[in-house]
């Protein structure tokens, strides 16, 4: 297998090296950057042949299935699309596998991270097979993780019938963590701004979108920690909007063909050097193994990096079954897509300097934003005889659009955001909602379940204010044995998962039990100001009910309920659990809590 062979060279993860004096590290970074001139500048005059999504066709297998199911099941009108919430790893992985296996004309993949590990190896092997049977494949990947072992994913670009582009590439050698670190530090702001969108589209008629990247930790296949995440399988008209969003990014000047950044020979040389443990600065392979303990800079959202691929992980990935697209239950409903413009991230010139944006940032219209603003007003005010006189103002970002939605809640707001850093507008919107009688419940990571503890700082500083304003706060229990069953994503009988750390990564909003929202965005300043994001908004009582039932089970038995008692924070354990109430951040060490308190004054919300 091409991909499996390309990715099988990683060494086991090693311990974090002892701290070094800052001047020594910076000096080594500068020297490394000077010695790795092959990738110290971005290329100029890059050819980017334009291409676009093909028109949907009922002559393809997926197109015919979509048409047949819509004709037989849909009662929501011609504009309706079909949806299934993909909460569990089997459903999420199986849906993607089914799309790859069923595609006949095109596959379009857009991701923030594609990790070189066992789960991805199987998926990408299927993608290569699809390309070899004539499917046109386009892969658009943010470049933050395009180094070390994960760089081997870029070998897809050298397969016939596959094009691959890297969005907002970083300068520096891909086999040198210090080089990339140095250039990221010298252009810190742009390095922090990433394409965070996630799309997996087949034949422009079916797709998967939501919170998951591609990697073992998103499919219950990591040996130490895994994510609770949420995607949706989508069939029908809204997939065309997702494809238009993909095209906007694909044809953008911020997207660089892989061949303009690195050659196949260089990737092969990196692989061979990795096998021999000879890469400069790799620390006996730790950096190339993708371990979170490597000396590479941590990504903006604390994205984990897997260790070596074990035989057991490979076997578990290959045991995953493709979803049966003919029988999987679907909810048919009207929906709209909103996505940030690619221009949210500055253009970079050949010397790594930011140039003026070619277009003003904002949310992609493609008719969806107008529909969102009108329909959200109608949805949220259905019980009002007078309705809403004016739709909310145009949004500058996906997060802004969701904040506007909060003003239309009448009864209930249920929010899941793993990285939750509420700015002033969000806090005001939550407070106003409570004051008009809306029940506001928010589930986020606890400090112990957060894979990016620094992000917890931006949430913790507003926790008491939110509680005093009447918001109900819940924090995920990171290692409870019943956690997955509580969230409806597993039976709790998978022995492999026992004792593994669980982290929240899904992003969901349910408004008044009839508007369901999911996508790539978090409710934080990074998603608002730094990253590009995408979301789908579905007007459906049934889909909202399914999401609410799933989340409420988790709130009852898989999360701490944070309250104020006598002016102090208390973490209330779920009823019937073996846990006790806590008066400090549960399952965390005193040094960690102290460290976060010390750095809190020096960490602005915009960087969390």
Protein backbone atom coordinates (compact mmCIF):
# COMPACT_ATOMS: atom_id res chain seq x y z
CA UNK A 1 0.00 0.00 0.00
CA UNK A 2 1.48 3.30 -1.14
CA UNK A 3 0.41 5.52 1.76
CA UNK A 4 0.94 2.89 4.45
CA UNK A 5 4.48 2.37 3.19
CA UNK A 6 5.18 6.08 3.07
CA UNK A 7 4.02 6.62 6.64
CA UNK A 8 5.46 3.59 8.40
CA UNK A 9 8.87 5.00 9.24
CA UNK A 10 8.31 6.83 12.51
CA UNK A 11 10.27 5.99 15.64
CA UNK A 12 8.61 5.76 19.05
CA UNK A 13 8.13 9.06 20.86
CA UNK A 14 10.84 10.13 23.26
CA UNK A 15 10.71 12.20 26.40
CA UNK A 16 10.84 15.97 26.22
CA UNK A 17 14.46 17.17 26.15
CA UNK A 18 15.73 19.09 29.13
CA UNK A 19 15.15 22.87 28.92
CA UNK A 20 17.92 24.82 27.23
CA UNK A 21 18.90 28.48 27.62
CA UNK A 22 16.78 30.67 25.36
CA UNK A 23 19.79 32.22 23.62
CA UNK A 24 21.10 28.75 22.73
CA UNK A 25 17.78 27.70 21.23
CA UNK A 26 17.42 30.91 19.23
CA UNK A 27 21.01 30.69 18.06
CA UNK A 28 20.55 27.13 16.90
CA UNK A 29 17.32 28.09 15.14
CA UNK A 30 19.09 30.89 13.26
CA UNK A 31 21.96 28.63 12.29
CA UNK A 32 19.61 25.89 11.16
CA UNK A 33 17.60 28.35 9.09
CA UNK A 34 20.77 29.59 7.39
CA UNK A 35 21.86 26.04 6.59
CA UNK A 36 18.51 24.92 5.17
CA UNK A 37 18.21 27.32 2.30
CA UNK A 38 16.15 24.95 0.16
CA UNK A 39 12.94 26.17 1.79
CA UNK A 40 13.69 29.53 3.41
CA UNK A 41 11.57 31.56 0.99
CA UNK A 42 8.21 30.99 -0.52
CA UNK A 43 8.23 30.50 -4.29
CA UNK A 44 7.21 33.25 -6.68
CA UNK A 45 5.28 33.12 -9.95
CA UNK A 46 3.53 29.96 -8.82
CA UNK A 47 1.22 28.36 -11.37
CA UNK A 48 -2.17 27.59 -9.90
CA UNK A 49 -4.37 26.09 -12.62
CA UNK A 50 -7.95 26.94 -11.71
CA UNK A 51 -10.48 24.15 -11.29
CA UNK A 52 -14.00 23.92 -9.95
CA UNK A 53 -16.44 21.38 -8.60
CA UNK A 54 -18.23 19.34 -11.21
CA UNK A 55 -21.99 19.68 -11.59
CA UNK A 56 -23.91 17.10 -9.55
CA UNK A 57 -25.18 14.23 -11.65
CA UNK A 58 -27.73 11.51 -11.05
CA UNK A 59 -25.69 9.30 -13.38
CA UNK A 60 -23.11 8.62 -10.66
CA UNK A 61 -23.78 6.03 -7.97
CA UNK A 62 -23.76 8.61 -5.17
CA UNK A 63 -25.82 11.04 -7.22
CA UNK A 64 -28.42 8.39 -8.03
CA UNK A 65 -28.60 7.30 -4.39
CA UNK A 66 -29.07 10.89 -3.25
CA UNK A 67 -31.86 11.43 -5.78
CA UNK A 68 -33.60 8.16 -4.89
CA UNK A 69 -33.48 8.74 -1.15
CA UNK A 70 -34.64 12.34 -1.47
CA UNK A 71 -37.58 11.32 -3.64
CA UNK A 72 -38.56 8.54 -1.24
CA UNK A 73 -37.97 10.21 2.12
CA UNK A 74 -37.97 13.99 1.81
CA UNK A 75 -41.00 15.98 2.93
CA UNK A 76 -39.23 19.30 3.51
CA UNK A 77 -39.26 20.68 -0.03
CA UNK A 78 -36.97 20.76 -3.04
CA UNK A 79 -34.27 22.76 -1.25
CA UNK A 80 -33.91 20.22 1.56
CA UNK A 81 -30.72 18.23 2.17
CA UNK A 82 -30.29 14.99 4.10
CA UNK A 83 -28.32 14.90 7.38
CA UNK A 84 -27.02 12.37 9.86
CA UNK A 85 -25.09 13.34 12.98
CA UNK A 86 -21.80 11.40 13.11
CA UNK A 87 -20.90 11.33 16.80
CA UNK A 88 -19.07 8.02 17.12
CA UNK A 89 -15.72 7.10 15.62
CA UNK A 90 -17.12 4.20 13.59
CA UNK A 91 -19.81 6.37 11.97
CA UNK A 92 -17.41 9.25 11.30
CA UNK A 93 -14.69 7.06 9.82
CA UNK A 94 -17.14 4.80 8.02
CA UNK A 95 -18.88 7.75 6.34
CA UNK A 96 -15.61 9.04 4.91
CA UNK A 97 -14.60 5.57 3.79
CA UNK A 98 -17.97 5.09 2.08
CA UNK A 99 -17.61 8.39 0.22
CA UNK A 100 -14.14 7.46 -1.05
CA UNK A 101 -15.23 4.02 -2.14
CA UNK A 102 -18.39 5.35 -3.82
CA UNK A 103 -16.90 8.39 -5.59
CA UNK A 104 -16.82 8.20 -9.38
CA UNK A 105 -15.97 11.73 -10.53
CA UNK A 106 -14.41 13.88 -7.79
CA UNK A 107 -13.11 13.92 -4.23
CA UNK A 108 -12.37 17.26 -2.52
CA UNK A 109 -10.70 17.22 0.91
CA UNK A 110 -10.02 20.39 2.91
CA UNK A 111 -8.43 20.07 6.36
CA UNK A 112 -6.48 21.90 9.01
CA UNK A 113 -4.55 18.74 9.90
CA UNK A 114 -3.97 15.35 8.28
CA UNK A 115 -1.77 13.26 10.54
CA UNK A 116 0.51 10.56 9.22
CA UNK A 117 -0.86 7.68 11.28
CA UNK A 118 -2.74 4.41 10.98
CA UNK A 119 -6.28 5.76 10.52
CA UNK A 120 -5.23 8.27 7.89
CA UNK A 121 -3.05 5.67 6.12
CA UNK A 122 -6.09 3.55 5.35
CA UNK A 123 -8.20 6.52 4.24
CA UNK A 124 -5.49 7.93 2.00
CA UNK A 125 -4.77 4.52 0.55
CA UNK A 126 -8.44 4.43 -0.48
CA UNK A 127 -8.09 7.94 -1.93
CA UNK A 128 -5.12 6.82 -4.05
CA UNK A 129 -7.12 3.84 -5.31
CA UNK A 130 -9.98 6.19 -6.21
CA UNK A 131 -7.59 8.39 -8.19
CA UNK A 132 -6.22 5.36 -10.02
CA UNK A 133 -9.71 4.38 -11.13
CA UNK A 134 -10.23 7.85 -12.63
CA UNK A 135 -11.59 10.03 -9.80
CA UNK A 136 -10.21 13.59 -9.81
CA UNK A 137 -8.83 14.26 -6.33
CA UNK A 138 -8.06 17.66 -4.84
CA UNK A 139 -6.56 17.90 -1.34
CA UNK A 140 -6.22 21.31 0.35
CA UNK A 141 -4.30 21.25 3.63
CA UNK A 142 -3.25 23.97 6.03
CA UNK A 143 0.53 23.98 6.29
CA UNK A 144 1.08 24.24 10.03
CA UNK A 145 1.62 20.49 10.37
CA UNK A 146 3.48 20.03 7.09
CA UNK A 147 6.77 19.03 8.62
CA UNK A 148 8.55 15.94 9.91
CA UNK A 149 6.61 12.73 9.61
CA UNK A 150 3.37 14.53 8.71
CA UNK A 151 5.07 16.00 5.63
CA UNK A 152 4.92 12.53 4.07
CA UNK A 153 1.20 13.12 3.49
CA UNK A 154 2.33 15.55 0.77
CA UNK A 155 3.43 12.60 -1.35
CA UNK A 156 -0.18 12.41 -2.46
CA UNK A 157 0.62 15.32 -4.79
CA UNK A 158 2.88 13.09 -6.87
CA UNK A 159 0.19 10.48 -7.53
CA UNK A 160 -1.53 10.58 -10.93
CA UNK A 161 -4.94 12.28 -10.87
CA UNK A 162 -4.31 13.87 -7.44
CA UNK A 163 -3.60 17.55 -6.90
CA UNK A 164 -2.58 18.81 -3.47
CA UNK A 165 -2.10 22.35 -2.25
CA UNK A 166 -0.87 23.78 1.05
CA UNK A 167 -2.66 26.81 2.43
CA UNK A 168 -0.71 29.68 4.02
CA UNK A 169 2.63 27.82 3.96
CA UNK A 170 5.32 28.48 6.53
CA UNK A 171 8.90 29.04 5.50
CA UNK A 172 11.79 26.98 6.75
CA UNK A 173 12.98 23.46 6.06
CA UNK A 174 10.35 20.75 6.51
CA UNK A 175 12.86 18.40 8.10
CA UNK A 176 14.04 20.96 10.66
CA UNK A 177 11.79 21.88 13.59
CA UNK A 178 14.12 24.72 14.57
CA UNK A 179 14.01 26.25 11.11
CA UNK A 180 10.22 26.26 11.03
CA UNK A 181 10.15 27.54 14.61
CA UNK A 182 12.41 30.42 13.72
CA UNK A 183 10.43 31.54 10.72
CA UNK A 184 7.16 31.16 12.59
CA UNK A 185 8.55 33.40 15.34
CA UNK A 186 9.70 36.06 12.89
CA UNK A 187 6.26 36.17 11.26
CA UNK A 188 4.29 35.27 14.36
CA UNK A 189 0.95 36.85 13.45
CA UNK A 190 0.59 35.15 10.07
CA UNK A 191 1.87 31.86 11.47
CA UNK A 192 -0.94 31.99 14.02
CA UNK A 193 -3.59 32.47 11.34
CA UNK A 194 -4.64 29.10 9.98
CA UNK A 195 -7.18 27.57 7.63
CA UNK A 196 -9.26 25.59 10.13
CA UNK A 197 -12.00 24.42 7.71
CA UNK A 198 -12.84 20.72 7.42
CA UNK A 199 -14.60 19.24 4.38
CA UNK A 200 -14.74 15.79 2.79
CA UNK A 201 -16.79 15.96 -0.43
CA UNK A 202 -17.61 13.29 -3.04
CA UNK A 203 -19.04 13.89 -6.52
CA UNK A 204 -20.51 17.22 -5.30
CA UNK A 205 -23.56 15.35 -3.97
CA UNK A 206 -22.40 13.95 -0.59
CA UNK A 207 -20.05 15.20 2.06
CA UNK A 208 -18.89 15.16 5.66
CA UNK A 209 -18.14 18.34 7.58
CA UNK A 210 -17.72 19.27 11.22
CA UNK A 211 -15.01 19.27 13.85
CA UNK A 212 -12.79 16.30 13.02
CA UNK A 213 -9.39 16.48 11.39
CA UNK A 214 -7.93 13.25 9.99
CA UNK A 215 -5.92 11.25 12.50
CA UNK A 216 -6.03 8.43 15.04
CA UNK A 217 -7.10 10.63 17.95
CA UNK A 218 -10.29 11.60 16.06
CA UNK A 219 -11.28 7.98 15.43
CA UNK A 220 -10.69 6.36 18.84
CA UNK A 221 -7.39 4.90 17.68
CA UNK A 222 -4.79 6.77 19.71
CA UNK A 223 -2.98 4.82 22.40
CA UNK A 224 -3.16 7.55 25.04
CA UNK A 225 -5.92 10.12 24.34
CA UNK A 226 -8.87 10.52 22.00
CA UNK A 227 -11.40 13.19 21.11
CA UNK A 228 -15.14 13.34 21.51
CA UNK A 229 -16.11 15.01 18.25
CA UNK A 230 -19.07 15.60 15.96
CA UNK A 231 -19.51 15.67 12.18
CA UNK A 232 -22.53 15.52 9.94
CA UNK A 233 -23.04 13.44 6.82
CA UNK A 234 -24.77 15.61 4.20
CA UNK A 235 -26.59 14.63 1.00
CA UNK A 236 -28.11 17.06 -1.44
CA UNK A 237 -28.20 20.76 -2.38
CA UNK A 238 -26.15 22.28 0.46
CA UNK A 239 -23.18 20.16 -0.67
CA UNK A 240 -22.94 22.46 -3.70
CA UNK A 241 -22.44 25.40 -1.34
CA UNK A 242 -19.71 23.49 0.49
CA UNK A 243 -18.04 22.80 -2.87
CA UNK A 244 -18.19 26.48 -3.81
CA UNK A 245 -16.47 27.30 -0.53
CA UNK A 246 -13.80 24.71 -1.30
CA UNK A 247 -13.25 26.23 -4.74
CA UNK A 248 -12.78 29.71 -3.29
CA UNK A 249 -9.93 28.41 -1.11
CA UNK A 250 -8.48 26.06 -3.73
CA UNK A 251 -8.13 28.80 -6.38
CA UNK A 252 -6.87 31.39 -3.90
CA UNK A 253 -3.35 32.80 -4.08
CA UNK A 254 -2.73 31.59 -0.52
CA UNK A 255 -2.90 27.97 -1.73
CA UNK A 256 0.45 26.66 -3.04
CA UNK A 257 0.75 23.46 -5.09
CA UNK A 258 2.91 20.99 -3.19
CA UNK A 259 5.33 20.75 -6.12
CA UNK A 260 6.17 24.44 -5.67
CA UNK A 261 7.20 23.81 -2.06
CA UNK A 262 8.98 20.46 -2.06
CA UNK A 263 9.99 17.71 -4.48
CA UNK A 264 9.24 14.02 -4.30
CA UNK A 265 12.95 13.32 -3.95
CA UNK A 266 13.15 15.61 -0.93
CA UNK A 267 10.23 13.82 0.70
CA UNK A 268 11.85 10.46 0.04
CA UNK A 269 15.12 11.72 1.48
CA UNK A 270 13.28 12.91 4.60
CA UNK A 271 11.68 9.50 4.97
CA UNK A 272 15.02 7.73 4.66
CA UNK A 273 16.64 10.11 7.12
CA UNK A 274 13.79 9.53 9.54
CA UNK A 275 14.31 5.79 9.35
CA UNK A 276 17.98 6.25 10.07
CA UNK A 277 17.33 8.80 12.82
CA UNK A 278 19.68 11.26 11.13
CA UNK A 279 17.53 14.37 10.69
CA UNK A 280 19.24 17.42 12.17
CA UNK A 281 17.52 18.54 15.37
CA UNK A 282 15.10 15.63 15.41
CA UNK A 283 16.12 14.43 18.85
CA UNK A 284 16.46 10.73 17.97
CA UNK A 285 13.32 10.86 15.88
CA UNK A 286 11.04 12.53 18.41
CA UNK A 287 10.23 15.45 16.13
CA UNK A 288 9.51 13.22 13.17
CA UNK A 289 7.43 10.83 15.19
CA UNK A 290 4.83 13.51 15.59
CA UNK A 291 4.97 13.35 19.36
CA UNK A 292 3.57 16.26 21.35
CA UNK A 293 6.82 16.11 23.28
CA UNK A 294 8.91 17.10 20.27
CA UNK A 295 10.80 20.38 20.05
CA UNK A 296 8.53 21.66 17.28
CA UNK A 297 6.38 24.66 18.10
CA UNK A 298 2.97 23.69 19.39
CA UNK A 299 0.16 24.46 16.97
CA UNK A 300 -2.30 27.24 17.75
CA UNK A 301 -4.98 24.97 19.20
CA UNK A 302 -2.74 22.38 20.85
CA UNK A 303 -3.36 19.84 18.08
CA UNK A 304 -1.99 16.46 19.26
CA UNK A 305 0.58 14.53 17.32
CA UNK A 306 0.56 10.76 17.35
CA UNK A 307 3.50 8.54 18.13
CA UNK A 308 4.67 5.60 16.05
CA UNK A 309 2.15 3.42 14.22
CA UNK A 310 1.61 0.17 16.08
CA UNK A 311 0.37 -3.08 14.63
CA UNK A 312 -2.71 -2.85 16.85
CA UNK A 313 -3.54 0.65 15.62
CA UNK A 314 -3.21 -0.42 12.01
CA UNK A 315 -5.44 -3.44 12.64
CA UNK A 316 -8.11 -1.32 14.35
CA UNK A 317 -8.15 1.12 11.44
CA UNK A 318 -8.54 -1.67 8.90
CA UNK A 319 -11.34 -3.21 10.97
CA UNK A 320 -13.45 -0.06 10.50
CA UNK A 321 -16.38 -0.67 8.16
CA UNK A 322 -17.75 1.70 5.52
CA UNK A 323 -21.10 3.22 6.40
CA UNK A 324 -24.06 1.82 4.49
CA UNK A 325 -25.23 4.94 2.67
CA UNK A 326 -28.38 3.22 1.42
CA UNK A 327 -29.81 2.48 4.86
CA UNK A 328 -28.26 5.02 7.24
CA UNK A 329 -31.05 7.15 8.78
CA UNK A 330 -31.33 10.69 7.40
CA UNK A 331 -33.16 13.82 8.48
CA UNK A 332 -34.25 15.97 5.52
CA UNK A 333 -34.26 19.69 6.19
CA UNK A 334 -33.38 23.08 4.78
CA UNK A 335 -29.90 24.33 5.60
CA UNK A 336 -27.39 27.03 4.79
CA UNK A 337 -23.62 27.13 4.81
CA UNK A 338 -21.50 30.04 6.03
CA UNK A 339 -17.72 30.22 5.67
CA UNK A 340 -15.03 32.79 6.27
CA UNK A 341 -13.38 34.29 3.22
CA UNK A 342 -9.82 33.10 2.49
CA UNK A 343 -8.81 36.78 2.65
CA UNK A 344 -9.15 36.60 6.43
CA UNK A 345 -5.54 35.41 6.27
CA UNK A 346 -3.02 37.90 4.77
CA UNK A 347 -1.13 37.17 1.58
CA UNK A 348 2.60 36.62 2.01
CA UNK A 349 5.25 37.67 -0.49
CA UNK A 350 8.35 35.67 -1.43
CA UNK A 351 10.34 37.15 1.47
CA UNK A 352 7.72 36.13 4.00
CA UNK A 353 6.33 39.64 4.47
CA UNK A 354 2.61 40.17 4.71
CA UNK A 355 1.06 42.11 1.88
CA UNK A 356 -2.18 44.03 1.88
CA UNK A 357 -5.25 41.84 1.65
CA UNK A 358 -6.56 41.61 -1.89
CA UNK A 359 -10.17 41.61 -0.71
CA UNK A 360 -11.90 42.62 2.48
CA UNK A 361 -12.40 39.78 4.94
CA UNK A 362 -15.91 38.64 5.68
CA UNK A 363 -18.31 35.74 5.43
CA UNK A 364 -18.94 34.06 2.09
CA UNK A 365 -22.32 34.98 0.76
CA UNK A 366 -23.00 32.41 -1.97
CA UNK A 367 -26.59 33.28 -1.10
CA UNK A 368 -26.22 31.47 2.21
CA UNK A 369 -25.58 34.42 4.50
CA UNK A 370 -28.64 36.28 3.29
CA UNK A 371 -30.73 33.16 3.83
CA UNK A 372 -29.17 32.69 7.26
CA UNK A 373 -30.01 36.18 8.41
CA UNK A 374 -33.58 35.95 7.19
CA UNK A 375 -34.30 32.37 8.21
CA UNK A 376 -32.68 32.63 11.62
CA UNK A 377 -34.96 35.54 12.37
CA UNK A 378 -37.96 33.51 11.21
CA UNK A 379 -36.89 30.39 13.11
CA UNK A 380 -36.18 32.16 16.37
CA UNK A 381 -39.31 34.30 16.31
CA UNK A 382 -41.82 31.70 15.14
CA UNK A 383 -43.92 32.16 18.27
CA UNK A 384 -44.12 35.92 17.93
CA UNK A 385 -47.07 37.36 16.09
CA UNK A 386 -45.15 40.44 15.09
CA UNK A 387 -42.02 38.57 14.03
CA UNK A 388 -38.67 40.36 13.63
CA UNK A 389 -38.61 43.61 11.71
CA UNK A 390 -35.00 43.43 10.57
CA UNK A 391 -32.51 40.56 10.15
CA UNK A 392 -29.27 40.77 12.13
CA UNK A 393 -26.46 42.82 10.58
CA UNK A 394 -24.00 41.27 8.16
CA UNK A 395 -21.28 39.26 9.87
CA UNK A 396 -17.53 39.76 9.60
CA UNK A 397 -16.79 36.13 10.47
CA UNK A 398 -18.53 32.83 11.07
CA UNK A 399 -18.27 33.41 14.82
CA UNK A 400 -19.83 36.87 14.45
CA UNK A 401 -22.70 35.27 12.55
CA UNK A 402 -23.31 32.83 15.38
CA UNK A 403 -23.19 35.61 17.97
CA UNK A 404 -25.91 37.39 15.98
CA UNK A 405 -28.01 34.23 16.19
CA UNK A 406 -27.98 34.30 20.00
CA UNK A 407 -30.17 37.40 19.98
CA UNK A 408 -33.05 35.37 18.51
CA UNK A 409 -33.19 32.66 21.16
CA UNK A 410 -36.53 32.62 22.98
CA UNK A 411 -36.35 29.57 25.22
CA UNK A 412 -33.16 27.54 25.08
CA UNK A 413 -29.53 27.73 23.99
CA UNK A 414 -27.37 24.61 24.14
CA UNK A 415 -23.73 25.12 23.17
CA UNK A 416 -20.73 22.80 22.90
CA UNK A 417 -17.38 24.52 22.38
CA UNK A 418 -14.16 22.74 23.38
CA UNK A 419 -12.08 25.93 23.33
CA UNK A 420 -14.37 28.54 24.87
CA UNK A 421 -13.03 32.06 25.26
CA UNK A 422 -16.10 34.33 25.33
CA UNK A 423 -15.39 37.90 24.27
CA UNK A 424 -17.44 40.86 25.46
CA UNK A 425 -20.03 40.48 22.69
CA UNK A 426 -20.57 36.82 23.56
CA UNK A 427 -20.85 37.48 27.28
CA UNK A 428 -23.31 40.31 26.68
CA UNK A 429 -25.36 38.09 24.37
CA UNK A 430 -25.50 35.29 26.95
CA UNK A 431 -26.49 37.69 29.72
CA UNK A 432 -29.19 39.30 27.59
CA UNK A 433 -30.55 35.87 26.67
CA UNK A 434 -30.82 34.83 30.33
CA UNK A 435 -32.51 38.12 31.20
CA UNK A 436 -35.25 37.48 28.64
CA UNK A 437 -35.86 33.99 30.06
CA UNK A 438 -33.62 31.81 27.91
CA UNK A 439 -31.96 28.80 29.51
CA UNK A 440 -28.30 28.93 28.44
CA UNK A 441 -26.18 25.79 28.89
CA UNK A 442 -22.57 25.54 27.73
CA UNK A 443 -20.35 22.46 27.68
CA UNK A 444 -16.61 22.95 27.34
CA UNK A 445 -13.42 21.17 28.33
CA UNK A 446 -12.32 20.97 31.92
CA UNK A 447 -8.69 21.81 32.55
CA UNK A 448 -7.93 18.10 32.85
CA UNK A 449 -9.58 17.25 29.51
CA UNK A 450 -8.18 20.24 27.60
CA UNK A 451 -5.41 19.30 25.17
CA UNK A 452 -4.40 23.01 25.11
CA UNK A 453 -4.33 24.07 28.79
CA UNK A 454 -3.32 27.60 27.84
CA UNK A 455 -6.71 28.00 26.11
CA UNK A 456 -8.36 27.23 29.45
CA UNK A 457 -7.00 30.51 30.79
CA UNK A 458 -9.28 32.54 28.52
CA UNK A 459 -12.30 30.61 29.73
CA UNK A 460 -11.41 30.53 33.43
CA UNK A 461 -11.06 34.32 33.65
CA UNK A 462 -14.73 34.74 32.69
CA UNK A 463 -16.18 31.70 34.46
CA UNK A 464 -17.51 33.48 37.54
CA UNK A 465 -18.94 36.34 35.46
CA UNK A 466 -20.84 33.87 33.28
CA UNK A 467 -22.20 32.03 36.30
CA UNK A 468 -23.34 35.25 37.96
CA UNK A 469 -25.15 36.21 34.75
CA UNK A 470 -27.15 32.98 34.97
CA UNK A 471 -25.34 30.77 32.44
CA UNK A 472 -25.12 27.04 33.26
CA UNK A 473 -21.55 25.81 32.78
CA UNK A 474 -20.49 22.20 32.35
CA UNK A 475 -16.95 20.85 31.99
CA UNK A 476 -16.04 17.48 30.51
CA UNK A 477 -14.85 14.68 32.79
CA UNK A 478 -11.71 13.48 31.05
CA UNK A 479 -11.48 9.80 31.96
CA UNK A 480 -14.81 8.54 33.25
CA UNK A 481 -15.42 4.96 32.12
CA UNK A 482 -19.03 5.73 31.14
CA UNK A 483 -18.23 8.94 29.28
CA UNK A 484 -18.64 7.69 25.72
CA UNK A 485 -21.85 5.87 26.47
CA UNK A 486 -23.14 9.02 28.16
CA UNK A 487 -22.62 11.01 24.98
CA UNK A 488 -24.20 8.33 22.84
CA UNK A 489 -21.05 7.52 20.88
CA UNK A 490 -20.16 4.09 22.21
CA UNK A 491 -21.29 1.19 24.31
CA UNK A 492 -18.60 1.68 26.92
CA UNK A 493 -17.50 -1.92 26.27
CA UNK A 494 -14.48 -1.20 24.07
CA UNK A 495 -11.61 -2.42 26.23
CA UNK A 496 -9.09 -0.45 24.17
CA UNK A 497 -10.67 2.82 25.31
CA UNK A 498 -10.57 1.96 29.02
CA UNK A 499 -8.20 4.23 30.90
CA UNK A 500 -7.64 6.49 27.89
CA UNK A 501 -7.87 10.25 28.28
CA UNK A 502 -10.94 11.79 26.65
CA UNK A 503 -10.95 15.35 25.27
CA UNK A 504 -13.81 17.40 23.86
CA UNK A 505 -13.48 18.61 20.26
CA UNK A 506 -17.04 18.81 18.85
CA UNK A 507 -18.65 22.16 18.07
CA UNK A 508 -22.47 22.35 18.31
CA UNK A 509 -25.14 24.99 18.86
CA UNK A 510 -28.84 24.17 19.24
CA UNK A 511 -31.25 27.12 19.34
CA UNK A 512 -34.80 26.72 20.70
CA UNK A 513 -34.85 23.05 19.75
CA UNK A 514 -35.18 23.81 16.06
CA UNK A 515 -31.92 25.23 14.68
CA UNK A 516 -28.88 22.92 14.70
CA UNK A 517 -25.40 24.30 13.95
CA UNK A 518 -22.09 22.49 13.64
CA UNK A 519 -18.79 23.13 11.91
CA UNK A 520 -15.11 23.80 12.47
CA UNK A 521 -15.44 26.90 14.67
CA UNK A 522 -14.94 27.31 18.40
CA UNK A 523 -16.51 30.15 20.34
CA UNK A 524 -13.24 31.92 20.96
CA UNK A 525 -11.21 34.84 19.71
CA UNK A 526 -8.96 32.59 17.64
CA UNK A 527 -11.87 31.39 15.54
CA UNK A 528 -13.23 34.92 15.31
CA UNK A 529 -10.01 36.77 14.49
CA UNK A 530 -7.30 34.32 13.43
CA UNK A 531 -8.58 31.15 11.79
CA UNK A 532 -10.86 30.66 8.83
CA UNK A 533 -13.91 28.57 9.69
CA UNK A 534 -16.98 26.97 8.14
CA UNK A 535 -20.38 26.00 9.54
CA UNK A 536 -23.70 24.54 8.43
CA UNK A 537 -27.01 25.67 9.94
CA UNK A 538 -29.93 23.25 9.70
CA UNK A 539 -33.53 24.21 10.41
CA UNK A 540 -34.82 20.94 11.86
CA UNK A 541 -36.62 20.01 15.06
CA UNK A 542 -35.66 16.36 14.62
CA UNK A 543 -31.95 16.97 14.11
CA UNK A 544 -31.98 19.46 16.99
CA UNK A 545 -33.73 16.87 19.18
CA UNK A 546 -31.12 14.23 18.34
CA UNK A 547 -28.27 16.60 19.17
CA UNK A 548 -29.97 17.79 22.36
CA UNK A 549 -30.61 14.24 23.59
CA UNK A 550 -26.98 13.29 22.96
CA UNK A 551 -25.60 16.36 24.72
CA UNK A 552 -27.99 16.18 27.67
CA UNK A 553 -26.97 12.58 28.37
CA UNK A 554 -23.40 13.82 28.52
CA UNK A 555 -24.26 16.72 30.82
CA UNK A 556 -26.02 14.39 33.24
CA UNK A 557 -23.35 11.71 33.56
CA UNK A 558 -20.18 12.84 31.76
CA UNK A 559 -19.57 16.41 32.91
CA UNK A 560 -18.92 18.50 36.00
CA UNK A 561 -21.63 21.09 36.67
CA UNK A 562 -19.79 24.23 37.74
CA UNK A 563 -21.69 26.40 40.22
CA UNK A 564 -21.10 29.21 42.69
CA UNK A 565 -21.66 28.37 46.36
CA UNK A 566 -21.05 31.08 48.92
CA UNK A 567 -19.21 33.02 46.24
CA UNK A 568 -16.80 30.17 45.48
CA UNK A 569 -16.54 27.79 42.53
CA UNK A 570 -17.70 24.22 43.09
CA UNK A 571 -17.54 21.40 40.55
CA UNK A 572 -20.62 19.23 41.16
CA UNK A 573 -20.10 15.57 40.30
CA UNK A 574 -22.76 13.77 38.24
CA UNK A 575 -25.42 12.08 40.33
CA UNK A 576 -24.84 8.37 40.73
CA UNK A 577 -21.15 8.61 39.81
CA UNK A 578 -18.24 7.50 41.97
CA UNK A 579 -16.90 11.07 41.95
CA UNK A 580 -17.00 13.66 44.69
CA UNK A 581 -17.70 17.37 44.41
CA UNK A 582 -14.53 19.43 44.00
CA UNK A 583 -13.55 22.96 45.02
CA UNK A 584 -10.54 23.19 42.70
CA UNK A 585 -10.10 22.23 39.04
CA UNK A 586 -10.73 18.46 39.14
CA UNK A 587 -7.98 15.98 38.31
CA UNK A 588 -5.27 18.62 37.96
CA UNK A 589 -2.02 19.28 39.76
CA UNK A 590 -1.29 22.31 41.90
CA UNK A 591 1.79 23.26 39.79
CA UNK A 592 -0.34 23.35 36.63
CA UNK A 593 -3.00 25.50 38.27
CA UNK A 594 -0.40 27.87 39.66
CA UNK A 595 1.39 28.15 36.33
CA UNK A 596 -1.82 29.10 34.54
CA UNK A 597 -2.61 31.73 37.16
CA UNK A 598 0.85 33.23 36.73
CA UNK A 599 0.69 33.45 32.96
CA UNK A 600 -2.94 34.52 32.77
CA UNK A 601 -2.24 38.29 32.91
CA UNK A 602 0.19 37.95 30.00
CA UNK A 603 -2.05 35.94 27.65
CA UNK A 604 -4.55 38.04 25.67
CA UNK A 605 -7.76 36.37 24.56
CA UNK A 606 -6.87 36.91 20.90
CA UNK A 607 -3.96 34.45 21.16
CA UNK A 608 -5.79 31.66 23.00
